[in-house]
Amino acid sequence: MIREIIHDTAMLSIPADPADESDIAVADDLQDTLKANREICVGLAANMIGINKAIIVYTDTDTGEQFEMFNPAILKKSSAYEAEEGCLSLEGTRKAVRYHKILVQWDDRSMESHTRAFFNDTAQIILHETDHCHGILI
């Protein structure tokens, strides 16, 4: 289901609760909402659709495919740079420190853990959405 995007910064600033297998419908709604906004958006976190769970979806900038992560955690980051980002929940753009290379651990919808390195634009998207899970806004 395509969900309405939340703009309430107080709600967006609350750290997310861990996600589990009962939250698969939330990931489905995130996927649908990202697809509906693909012209202007490359990633979403569950709190952006009003659900305070640690789930993100993002578009891989190399393939254009959408992926989801339950309980994403940034394990390592390297090669910092200053980015200017927009957010579907906020007006305008803001500066943020991002990293060219990150190592992420997350669960899939079966709650199996994965770890992988991401680079450049895809890393930036994952960092932005993971910040949302921690209640951090740009």
C-alpha atoms as a PDB file:
ATOM      1  CA  MET A   1       0.000   0.000   0.000  1.00  0.00           C
ATOM      2  CA  ILE A   2       1.240   3.494  -0.817  1.00  0.00           C
ATOM      3  CA  ARG A   3       1.462   5.479   2.429  1.00  0.00           C
ATOM      4  CA  GLU A   4       1.393   9.196   3.129  1.00  0.00           C
ATOM      5  CA  ILE A   5       4.788  10.763   3.862  1.00  0.00           C
ATOM      6  CA  ILE A   6       5.193  12.124   7.403  1.00  0.00           C
ATOM      7  CA  HIS A   7       6.548  15.678   7.803  1.00  0.00           C
ATOM      8  CA  ASP A   8       6.299  15.983  11.607  1.00  0.00           C
ATOM      9  CA  THR A   9       9.919  16.459  12.764  1.00  0.00           C
ATOM     10  CA  ALA A  10       9.026  15.524  16.368  1.00  0.00           C
ATOM     11  CA  MET A  11       7.824  12.108  15.207  1.00  0.00           C
ATOM     12  CA  LEU A  12      10.744  11.694  12.804  1.00  0.00           C
ATOM     13  CA  SER A  13      13.198  12.422  15.653  1.00  0.00           C
ATOM     14  CA  ILE A  14      12.167   9.390  17.735  1.00  0.00           C
ATOM     15  CA  PRO A  15      14.618   6.466  17.440  1.00  0.00           C
ATOM     16  CA  ALA A  16      13.012   3.398  15.864  1.00  0.00           C
ATOM     17  CA  ASP A  17      12.168   0.186  17.645  1.00  0.00           C
ATOM     18  CA  PRO A  18      13.780  -3.021  16.322  1.00  0.00           C
ATOM     19  CA  ALA A  19      11.891  -4.719  13.509  1.00  0.00           C
ATOM     20  CA  ASP A  20      10.999  -8.409  13.369  1.00  0.00           C
ATOM     21  CA  GLU A  21       9.183 -10.848  11.079  1.00  0.00           C
ATOM     22  CA  SER A  22       5.817  -9.369  12.072  1.00  0.00           C
ATOM     23  CA  ASP A  23       6.840  -6.141  10.265  1.00  0.00           C
ATOM     24  CA  ILE A  24       7.013  -7.552   6.733  1.00  0.00           C
ATOM     25  CA  ALA A  25       3.867  -5.626   5.745  1.00  0.00           C
ATOM     26  CA  VAL A  26       5.668  -2.413   6.735  1.00  0.00           C
ATOM     27  CA  ALA A  27       8.510  -3.267   4.343  1.00  0.00           C
ATOM     28  CA  ASP A  28       5.955  -3.980   1.608  1.00  0.00           C
ATOM     29  CA  ASP A  29       4.341  -0.575   2.182  1.00  0.00           C
ATOM     30  CA  LEU A  30       7.760   1.093   2.101  1.00  0.00           C
ATOM     31  CA  GLN A  31       8.543  -0.624  -1.215  1.00  0.00           C
ATOM     32  CA  ASP A  32       5.203   0.503  -2.691  1.00  0.00           C
ATOM     33  CA  THR A  33       5.637   4.060  -1.408  1.00  0.00           C
ATOM     34  CA  LEU A  34       9.187   4.294  -2.769  1.00  0.00           C
ATOM     35  CA  LYS A  35       8.015   3.033  -6.178  1.00  0.00           C
ATOM     36  CA  ALA A  36       5.250   5.649  -6.203  1.00  0.00           C
ATOM     37  CA  ASN A  37       7.817   8.386  -5.471  1.00  0.00           C
ATOM     38  CA  ARG A  38      10.704   7.078  -7.598  1.00  0.00           C
ATOM     39  CA  GLU A  39      10.846  10.278  -9.670  1.00  0.00           C
ATOM     40  CA  ILE A  40      11.823  12.302  -6.584  1.00  0.00           C
ATOM     41  CA  CYS A  41      13.045   9.792  -3.986  1.00  0.00           C
ATOM     42  CA  VAL A  42      15.709   7.047  -3.705  1.00  0.00           C
ATOM     43  CA  GLY A  43      15.140   5.811  -0.160  1.00  0.00           C
ATOM     44  CA  LEU A  44      12.673   5.685   2.712  1.00  0.00           C
ATOM     45  CA  ALA A  45      12.660   4.709   6.366  1.00  0.00           C
ATOM     46  CA  ALA A  46       9.592   3.346   8.159  1.00  0.00           C
ATOM     47  CA  ASN A  47       9.188   6.431  10.344  1.00  0.00           C
ATOM     48  CA  MET A  48       8.697   8.442   7.147  1.00  0.00           C
ATOM     49  CA  ILE A  49       5.405   6.577   6.658  1.00  0.00           C
ATOM     50  CA  GLY A  50       4.428   6.836  10.323  1.00  0.00           C
ATOM     51  CA  ILE A  51       5.724   3.504  11.627  1.00  0.00           C
ATOM     52  CA  ASN A  52       8.483   3.602  14.227  1.00  0.00           C
ATOM     53  CA  LYS A  53      10.386   0.472  13.177  1.00  0.00           C
ATOM     54  CA  ALA A  54      14.007   0.090  12.021  1.00  0.00           C
ATOM     55  CA  ILE A  55      13.297  -0.728   8.384  1.00  0.00           C
ATOM     56  CA  ILE A  56      14.621   1.044   5.307  1.00  0.00           C
ATOM     57  CA  VAL A  57      14.238   0.649   1.570  1.00  0.00           C
ATOM     58  CA  TYR A  58      16.618   2.114  -0.967  1.00  0.00           C
ATOM     59  CA  THR A  59      17.342   2.182  -4.666  1.00  0.00           C
ATOM     60  CA  ASP A  60      20.692   0.748  -5.721  1.00  0.00           C
ATOM     61  CA  THR A  61      22.152   3.514  -7.868  1.00  0.00           C
ATOM     62  CA  ASP A  62      24.019   1.052 -10.108  1.00  0.00           C
ATOM     63  CA  THR A  63      21.119  -1.275 -10.925  1.00  0.00           C
ATOM     64  CA  GLY A  64      18.017   0.794 -10.175  1.00  0.00           C
ATOM     65  CA  GLU A  65      16.645  -2.097  -8.094  1.00  0.00           C
ATOM     66  CA  GLN A  66      14.960  -1.535  -4.749  1.00  0.00           C
ATOM     67  CA  PHE A  67      16.177  -3.331  -1.651  1.00  0.00           C
ATOM     68  CA  GLU A  68      15.085  -3.460   1.978  1.00  0.00           C
ATOM     69  CA  MET A  69      16.922  -3.757   5.262  1.00  0.00           C
ATOM     70  CA  PHE A  70      15.516  -4.650   8.660  1.00  0.00           C
ATOM     71  CA  ASN A  71      17.537  -3.329  11.616  1.00  0.00           C
ATOM     72  CA  PRO A  72      20.393  -1.848   9.557  1.00  0.00           C
ATOM     73  CA  ALA A  73      23.592  -1.071  11.470  1.00  0.00           C
ATOM     74  CA  ILE A  74      26.623   0.759  10.098  1.00  0.00           C
ATOM     75  CA  LEU A  75      29.671  -1.210  11.253  1.00  0.00           C
ATOM     76  CA  LYS A  76      32.410   0.804   9.505  1.00  0.00           C
ATOM     77  CA  LYS A  77      32.678   3.941   7.415  1.00  0.00           C
ATOM     78  CA  SER A  78      35.576   5.508   5.553  1.00  0.00           C
ATOM     79  CA  SER A  79      36.432   8.395   3.217  1.00  0.00           C
ATOM     80  CA  ALA A  80      34.240  11.153   4.644  1.00  0.00           C
ATOM     81  CA  TYR A  81      32.867  13.941   2.460  1.00  0.00           C
ATOM     82  CA  GLU A  82      30.303  16.702   2.764  1.00  0.00           C
ATOM     83  CA  ALA A  83      27.078  16.098   0.858  1.00  0.00           C
ATOM     84  CA  GLU A  84      24.006  18.206   0.271  1.00  0.00           C
ATOM     85  CA  GLU A  85      20.843  16.141   0.574  1.00  0.00           C
ATOM     86  CA  GLY A  86      17.130  16.467   0.262  1.00  0.00           C
ATOM     87  CA  CYS A  87      14.553  14.412   2.117  1.00  0.00           C
ATOM     88  CA  LEU A  88      10.992  13.603   1.130  1.00  0.00           C
ATOM     89  CA  SER A  89       9.904  14.423   4.704  1.00  0.00           C
ATOM     90  CA  LEU A  90      11.650  17.813   4.834  1.00  0.00           C
ATOM     91  CA  GLU A  91      11.681  20.931   2.676  1.00  0.00           C
ATOM     92  CA  GLY A  92      14.855  22.031   0.934  1.00  0.00           C
ATOM     93  CA  THR A  93      18.325  20.564   1.170  1.00  0.00           C
ATOM     94  CA  ARG A  94      20.825  20.367   4.007  1.00  0.00           C
ATOM     95  CA  LYS A  95      24.486  19.517   4.409  1.00  0.00           C
ATOM     96  CA  ALA A  96      25.512  16.182   5.916  1.00  0.00           C
ATOM     97  CA  VAL A  97      28.760  14.304   6.402  1.00  0.00           C
ATOM     98  CA  ARG A  98      28.665  11.050   4.462  1.00  0.00           C
ATOM     99  CA  TYR A  99      31.172   8.336   3.570  1.00  0.00           C
ATOM    100  CA  HIS A 100      32.241   6.823   0.260  1.00  0.00           C
ATOM    101  CA  LYS A 101      32.499   3.339   1.769  1.00  0.00           C
ATOM    102  CA  ILE A 102      30.407   1.740   4.508  1.00  0.00           C
ATOM    103  CA  LEU A 103      30.028  -1.739   5.952  1.00  0.00           C
ATOM    104  CA  VAL A 104      26.432  -2.553   6.882  1.00  0.00           C
ATOM    105  CA  GLN A 105      24.857  -5.397   8.819  1.00  0.00           C
ATOM    106  CA  TRP A 106      21.114  -5.964   8.459  1.00  0.00           C
ATOM    107  CA  ASP A 107      18.418  -8.602   8.609  1.00  0.00           C
ATOM    108  CA  ASP A 108      16.325  -9.740   5.658  1.00  0.00           C
ATOM    109  CA  ARG A 109      12.620 -10.521   5.939  1.00  0.00           C
ATOM    110  CA  SER A 110      13.444 -13.999   7.278  1.00  0.00           C
ATOM    111  CA  MET A 111      15.504 -12.289   9.997  1.00  0.00           C
ATOM    112  CA  GLU A 112      18.708 -13.765   8.597  1.00  0.00           C
ATOM    113  CA  SER A 113      21.688 -11.480   9.116  1.00  0.00           C
ATOM    114  CA  HIS A 114      23.795 -10.136   6.234  1.00  0.00           C
ATOM    115  CA  THR A 115      26.908  -7.977   6.060  1.00  0.00           C
ATOM    116  CA  ARG A 116      28.108  -6.145   2.963  1.00  0.00           C
ATOM    117  CA  ALA A 117      30.103  -3.117   1.846  1.00  0.00           C
ATOM    118  CA  PHE A 118      28.366  -0.329  -0.075  1.00  0.00           C
ATOM    119  CA  PHE A 119      29.958   2.516  -1.965  1.00  0.00           C
ATOM    120  CA  ASN A 120      29.382   6.101  -3.091  1.00  0.00           C
ATOM    121  CA  ASP A 121      25.766   7.077  -3.902  1.00  0.00           C
ATOM    122  CA  THR A 122      24.218   3.858  -2.581  1.00  0.00           C
ATOM    123  CA  ALA A 123      26.238   4.233   0.637  1.00  0.00           C
ATOM    124  CA  GLN A 124      24.966   7.810   0.961  1.00  0.00           C
ATOM    125  CA  ILE A 125      21.339   6.702   0.601  1.00  0.00           C
ATOM    126  CA  ILE A 126      21.746   3.920   3.180  1.00  0.00           C
ATOM    127  CA  LEU A 127      23.444   6.322   5.612  1.00  0.00           C
ATOM    128  CA  HIS A 128      20.616   8.843   5.227  1.00  0.00           C
ATOM    129  CA  GLU A 129      17.895   6.246   5.806  1.00  0.00           C
ATOM    130  CA  THR A 130      19.771   4.608   8.688  1.00  0.00           C
ATOM    131  CA  ASP A 131      20.022   8.041  10.313  1.00  0.00           C
ATOM    132  CA  HIS A 132      16.210   8.152  10.154  1.00  0.00           C
ATOM    133  CA  CYS A 133      16.128   4.903  12.154  1.00  0.00           C
ATOM    134  CA  HIS A 134      18.131   6.689  14.868  1.00  0.00           C
ATOM    135  CA  GLY A 135      15.885   9.750  14.807  1.00  0.00           C
ATOM    136  CA  ILE A 136      18.579  11.838  13.116  1.00  0.00           C
ATOM    137  CA  LEU A 137      17.378  14.344  10.522  1.00  0.00           C
ATOM    138  CA  ILE A 138      19.606  16.157   8.060  1.00  0.00           C
END
